[in-house]
């Protein structure tokens, strides 16, 4: 979810290749992701993995050949070793709540949606007083949470007081699930929850903790999680190296979220 103001319509470029049209407005996050993808596309061409005639894209959608070439480039240049069993066991012991099965929460929320062109800072200023109001009442006084959801929420659930019913981890966007699962809090969460959809005031009404899974039964999932973490770290380091050797205009790549793994 973007957390910075939207950029002005100044054309950003990587090695003189435009990342968007002059009249297109992108969030800083979207702009950085386009820049990173274009940087990888150009590097794949320079490495002979992609035809020199493959055309850059001004709308952020690269060709299938470019996507395949980037995959090959990353396979050649990123070191992603298999995690050891010891590392997997340590990770499992430290994150056992993540590997529970059957964990559910009954939730209601108030959504302040982020849409293209929205002023995120202004949206937060609108959301915070409502969050504080329902937080102080803990969603109980005079049906304050349900009333606020009906009045303010941009989610269809607002018509029903924000009620989302019972949710499992797979029913939510990952960034939303991280705030809901593996915790013991019941009531209005003590912070606004950020997701790709916007800012949420969230109340957990009930929890069912589920069943903890032994290491042996989730070893594969644990190893996959560790491989993904290592891949993301290696990709960020590689992108910083490439950016240091490129001419980048109109976009800051130092804070770039890793593309291709969103």
Protein backbone atom coordinates (compact mmCIF):
# COMPACT_ATOMS: atom_id res chain seq x y z
CA UNK A 1 0.00 0.00 0.00
CA UNK A 2 1.47 3.40 -0.94
CA UNK A 3 2.42 5.50 2.09
CA UNK A 4 3.76 8.52 0.22
CA UNK A 5 2.08 11.27 -1.83
CA UNK A 6 1.53 10.56 -5.49
CA UNK A 7 4.22 11.87 -7.82
CA UNK A 8 3.83 14.70 -10.25
CA UNK A 9 3.63 13.95 -13.94
CA UNK A 10 7.38 14.24 -14.57
CA UNK A 11 8.62 11.42 -16.76
CA UNK A 12 10.98 9.08 -14.89
CA UNK A 13 13.61 7.18 -16.86
CA UNK A 14 16.11 4.36 -16.54
CA UNK A 15 19.06 4.80 -18.92
CA UNK A 16 16.91 7.24 -20.94
CA UNK A 17 13.99 4.77 -21.24
CA UNK A 18 10.71 6.35 -20.12
CA UNK A 19 8.79 4.45 -17.44
CA UNK A 20 5.43 6.10 -18.10
CA UNK A 21 3.72 8.74 -20.21
CA UNK A 22 3.80 12.42 -19.26
CA UNK A 23 0.12 12.46 -18.33
CA UNK A 24 0.20 9.28 -16.19
CA UNK A 25 0.33 9.61 -12.40
CA UNK A 26 1.91 6.76 -10.44
CA UNK A 27 2.40 6.19 -6.75
CA UNK A 28 6.06 6.15 -5.67
CA UNK A 29 5.77 2.40 -5.03
CA UNK A 30 4.41 1.72 -8.54
CA UNK A 31 7.09 3.93 -10.08
CA UNK A 32 9.89 2.15 -8.21
CA UNK A 33 8.57 -1.25 -9.25
CA UNK A 34 8.48 -0.18 -12.91
CA UNK A 35 12.01 1.16 -12.61
CA UNK A 36 13.31 -2.08 -11.09
CA UNK A 37 11.61 -4.19 -13.75
CA UNK A 38 13.00 -2.01 -16.55
CA UNK A 39 16.46 -2.19 -14.99
CA UNK A 40 16.28 -5.99 -14.99
CA UNK A 41 14.91 -6.05 -18.56
CA UNK A 42 17.84 -3.95 -19.80
CA UNK A 43 20.33 -6.07 -17.87
CA UNK A 44 18.88 -9.23 -19.45
CA UNK A 45 19.37 -7.67 -22.89
CA UNK A 46 22.97 -6.73 -22.09
CA UNK A 47 23.60 -10.31 -20.92
CA UNK A 48 22.32 -11.69 -24.23
CA UNK A 49 19.30 -13.33 -22.62
CA UNK A 50 16.80 -11.10 -24.42
CA UNK A 51 16.64 -9.95 -28.03
CA UNK A 52 17.95 -6.40 -28.44
CA UNK A 53 14.77 -5.55 -30.36
CA UNK A 54 12.54 -6.29 -27.36
CA UNK A 55 10.76 -2.98 -26.84
CA UNK A 56 10.44 -1.24 -23.48
CA UNK A 57 6.96 -0.63 -22.15
CA UNK A 58 5.50 2.68 -20.99
CA UNK A 59 2.59 0.98 -19.22
CA UNK A 60 4.54 -1.34 -16.93
CA UNK A 61 3.63 -4.53 -18.84
CA UNK A 62 6.69 -6.29 -20.25
CA UNK A 63 6.71 -8.97 -22.95
CA UNK A 64 6.59 -12.68 -22.14
CA UNK A 65 10.09 -13.01 -23.57
CA UNK A 66 11.33 -10.26 -21.24
CA UNK A 67 9.71 -11.94 -18.23
CA UNK A 68 11.38 -15.26 -19.11
CA UNK A 69 14.72 -13.52 -19.66
CA UNK A 70 14.51 -11.81 -16.26
CA UNK A 71 13.80 -15.17 -14.64
CA UNK A 72 16.91 -16.60 -16.32
CA UNK A 73 18.98 -13.56 -15.30
CA UNK A 74 17.97 -13.92 -11.66
CA UNK A 75 18.64 -17.65 -11.69
CA UNK A 76 22.16 -16.94 -12.92
CA UNK A 77 22.96 -14.11 -10.53
CA UNK A 78 21.15 -14.72 -7.27
CA UNK A 79 22.53 -17.11 -4.70
CA UNK A 80 19.58 -18.75 -2.92
CA UNK A 81 20.92 -21.75 -0.97
CA UNK A 82 18.68 -24.39 0.53
CA UNK A 83 18.01 -23.67 4.22
CA UNK A 84 19.47 -26.16 6.66
CA UNK A 85 17.23 -28.30 8.83
CA UNK A 86 18.59 -26.48 11.87
CA UNK A 87 17.55 -23.12 10.39
CA UNK A 88 14.12 -24.53 9.55
CA UNK A 89 13.65 -25.83 13.09
CA UNK A 90 14.65 -22.47 14.58
CA UNK A 91 12.21 -20.65 12.30
CA UNK A 92 9.40 -23.05 13.14
CA UNK A 93 10.03 -22.71 16.89
CA UNK A 94 9.95 -18.91 16.62
CA UNK A 95 6.83 -18.77 14.40
CA UNK A 96 4.67 -21.66 15.52
CA UNK A 97 1.50 -19.56 15.30
CA UNK A 98 2.04 -19.16 11.55
CA UNK A 99 1.87 -22.93 11.08
CA UNK A 100 -1.33 -23.54 13.01
CA UNK A 101 -4.19 -25.07 11.06
CA UNK A 102 -7.79 -24.11 11.54
CA UNK A 103 -7.09 -20.74 13.20
CA UNK A 104 -10.05 -18.40 12.65
CA UNK A 105 -11.08 -14.92 13.74
CA UNK A 106 -14.47 -13.23 13.66
CA UNK A 107 -13.90 -9.69 12.53
CA UNK A 108 -15.55 -6.43 11.59
CA UNK A 109 -13.82 -3.44 10.07
CA UNK A 110 -14.13 0.10 8.75
CA UNK A 111 -12.28 0.57 5.46
CA UNK A 112 -10.86 3.87 4.27
CA UNK A 113 -10.04 2.86 0.71
CA UNK A 114 -6.90 3.91 -1.15
CA UNK A 115 -7.71 4.59 -4.80
CA UNK A 116 -5.59 6.11 -7.61
CA UNK A 117 -5.00 9.79 -6.92
CA UNK A 118 -6.02 9.67 -3.26
CA UNK A 119 -4.08 11.82 -0.77
CA UNK A 120 -2.95 9.15 1.70
CA UNK A 121 -1.96 11.70 4.36
CA UNK A 122 -5.43 13.29 4.20
CA UNK A 123 -7.02 9.83 4.31
CA UNK A 124 -5.10 9.00 7.47
CA UNK A 125 -6.22 12.28 9.08
CA UNK A 126 -9.81 11.29 8.33
CA UNK A 127 -9.37 7.73 9.63
CA UNK A 128 -7.54 8.46 12.89
CA UNK A 129 -10.33 10.34 14.74
CA UNK A 130 -12.81 7.58 13.89
CA UNK A 131 -10.30 4.94 14.99
CA UNK A 132 -9.80 6.75 18.31
CA UNK A 133 -13.54 7.08 18.83
CA UNK A 134 -14.33 3.39 18.39
CA UNK A 135 -11.13 2.39 20.20
CA UNK A 136 -12.13 4.41 23.25
CA UNK A 137 -15.58 2.83 23.22
CA UNK A 138 -14.07 -0.58 22.37
CA UNK A 139 -16.83 -0.95 19.83
CA UNK A 140 -19.46 -1.45 22.54
CA UNK A 141 -21.06 1.86 23.48
CA UNK A 142 -24.32 2.42 21.62
CA UNK A 143 -23.18 0.23 18.76
CA UNK A 144 -20.52 2.84 17.95
CA UNK A 145 -18.41 0.55 15.77
CA UNK A 146 -21.34 -0.62 13.65
CA UNK A 147 -22.66 2.93 13.34
CA UNK A 148 -19.24 4.23 12.27
CA UNK A 149 -18.89 1.40 9.73
CA UNK A 150 -22.27 2.22 8.19
CA UNK A 151 -21.34 5.90 7.97
CA UNK A 152 -17.69 5.79 6.94
CA UNK A 153 -16.63 2.42 5.53
CA UNK A 154 -15.86 2.11 1.82
CA UNK A 155 -16.42 -1.67 2.02
CA UNK A 156 -19.82 -3.24 1.15
CA UNK A 157 -19.69 -4.79 4.63
CA UNK A 158 -20.39 -1.31 5.99
CA UNK A 159 -24.09 -1.90 5.35
CA UNK A 160 -23.86 -4.71 7.92
CA UNK A 161 -21.91 -2.75 10.51
CA UNK A 162 -18.56 -3.79 9.00
CA UNK A 163 -19.09 -7.49 9.76
CA UNK A 164 -16.75 -9.77 7.79
CA UNK A 165 -17.76 -12.94 9.65
CA UNK A 166 -15.29 -15.74 10.38
CA UNK A 167 -12.02 -15.52 8.43
CA UNK A 168 -9.14 -17.95 7.97
CA UNK A 169 -5.61 -16.89 7.07
CA UNK A 170 -6.17 -17.73 3.39
CA UNK A 171 -9.26 -15.52 3.25
CA UNK A 172 -7.23 -12.32 3.66
CA UNK A 173 -4.54 -10.37 1.87
CA UNK A 174 -1.19 -11.38 3.45
CA UNK A 175 -0.55 -7.96 5.00
CA UNK A 176 -4.04 -8.02 6.57
CA UNK A 177 -3.61 -11.60 7.80
CA UNK A 178 -0.34 -10.71 9.55
CA UNK A 179 -2.24 -8.29 11.79
CA UNK A 180 -5.06 -10.72 12.56
CA UNK A 181 -3.52 -14.15 13.05
CA UNK A 182 -1.01 -15.47 15.54
CA UNK A 183 -2.10 -12.94 18.18
CA UNK A 184 -4.33 -13.05 21.25
CA UNK A 185 -5.92 -9.60 21.04
CA UNK A 186 -9.70 -9.38 21.15
CA UNK A 187 -11.46 -6.05 20.66
CA UNK A 188 -10.52 -3.07 18.52
CA UNK A 189 -6.89 -3.46 17.47
CA UNK A 190 -4.65 -0.71 18.92
CA UNK A 191 -3.53 0.57 15.51
CA UNK A 192 -4.81 1.27 12.04
CA UNK A 193 -4.18 -1.76 9.83
CA UNK A 194 -2.59 -1.06 6.44
CA UNK A 195 -3.39 -3.24 3.43
CA UNK A 196 -3.31 -2.92 -0.34
CA UNK A 197 -6.95 -1.82 -0.11
CA UNK A 198 -6.45 1.04 2.32
CA UNK A 199 -6.56 1.77 6.04
CA UNK A 200 -8.69 -0.39 8.30
CA UNK A 201 -10.10 0.05 11.77
CA UNK A 202 -10.41 -3.59 12.87
CA UNK A 203 -12.28 -5.22 15.72
CA UNK A 204 -11.66 -8.88 16.55
CA UNK A 205 -14.87 -10.24 18.08
CA UNK A 206 -13.79 -13.85 18.68
CA UNK A 207 -10.82 -16.13 18.11
CA UNK A 208 -10.45 -19.86 17.53
CA UNK A 209 -6.74 -20.64 17.96
CA UNK A 210 -6.54 -23.70 15.74
CA UNK A 211 -4.09 -26.57 16.18
CA UNK A 212 -0.30 -26.24 16.27
CA UNK A 213 1.45 -28.43 13.69
CA UNK A 214 4.63 -30.39 14.48
CA UNK A 215 7.76 -29.47 12.57
CA UNK A 216 7.78 -32.71 10.57
CA UNK A 217 4.38 -32.00 9.02
CA UNK A 218 5.21 -28.43 7.92
CA UNK A 219 8.91 -28.83 7.08
CA UNK A 220 8.27 -28.12 3.40
CA UNK A 221 6.32 -24.93 4.09
CA UNK A 222 8.99 -23.72 6.52
CA UNK A 223 11.78 -24.33 3.99
CA UNK A 224 9.80 -22.51 1.28
CA UNK A 225 9.33 -19.51 3.57
CA UNK A 226 13.04 -19.31 4.32
CA UNK A 227 13.95 -19.67 0.63
CA UNK A 228 11.60 -16.80 -0.20
CA UNK A 229 13.17 -14.59 2.46
CA UNK A 230 16.65 -15.33 1.11
CA UNK A 231 15.51 -14.66 -2.47
CA UNK A 232 14.01 -11.28 -1.54
CA UNK A 233 17.19 -10.22 0.27
CA UNK A 234 19.41 -11.30 -2.63
CA UNK A 235 17.17 -9.56 -5.18
CA UNK A 236 17.23 -6.29 -3.26
CA UNK A 237 21.04 -6.41 -3.09
CA UNK A 238 21.28 -7.16 -6.81
CA UNK A 239 18.93 -4.30 -7.70
CA UNK A 240 20.98 -1.86 -5.61
CA UNK A 241 24.10 -2.97 -7.50
CA UNK A 242 22.42 -2.50 -10.89
CA UNK A 243 20.96 0.87 -9.90
CA UNK A 244 24.41 2.09 -8.90
CA UNK A 245 25.65 1.37 -12.43
CA UNK A 246 22.64 2.90 -14.24
CA UNK A 247 21.41 6.42 -14.97
CA UNK A 248 18.15 6.72 -13.09
CA UNK A 249 16.04 9.87 -13.34
CA UNK A 250 12.91 10.90 -11.47
CA UNK A 251 12.66 7.87 -9.18
CA UNK A 252 14.40 6.92 -5.94
CA UNK A 253 15.44 3.27 -5.91
CA UNK A 254 17.17 3.11 -2.52
CA UNK A 255 13.83 2.48 -0.81
CA UNK A 256 12.48 0.22 -3.53
CA UNK A 257 10.16 -2.58 -2.52
CA UNK A 258 11.21 -5.76 -4.26
CA UNK A 259 9.31 -6.19 -7.54
CA UNK A 260 8.16 -9.50 -8.99
CA UNK A 261 7.35 -10.95 -5.56
CA UNK A 262 4.35 -8.84 -4.58
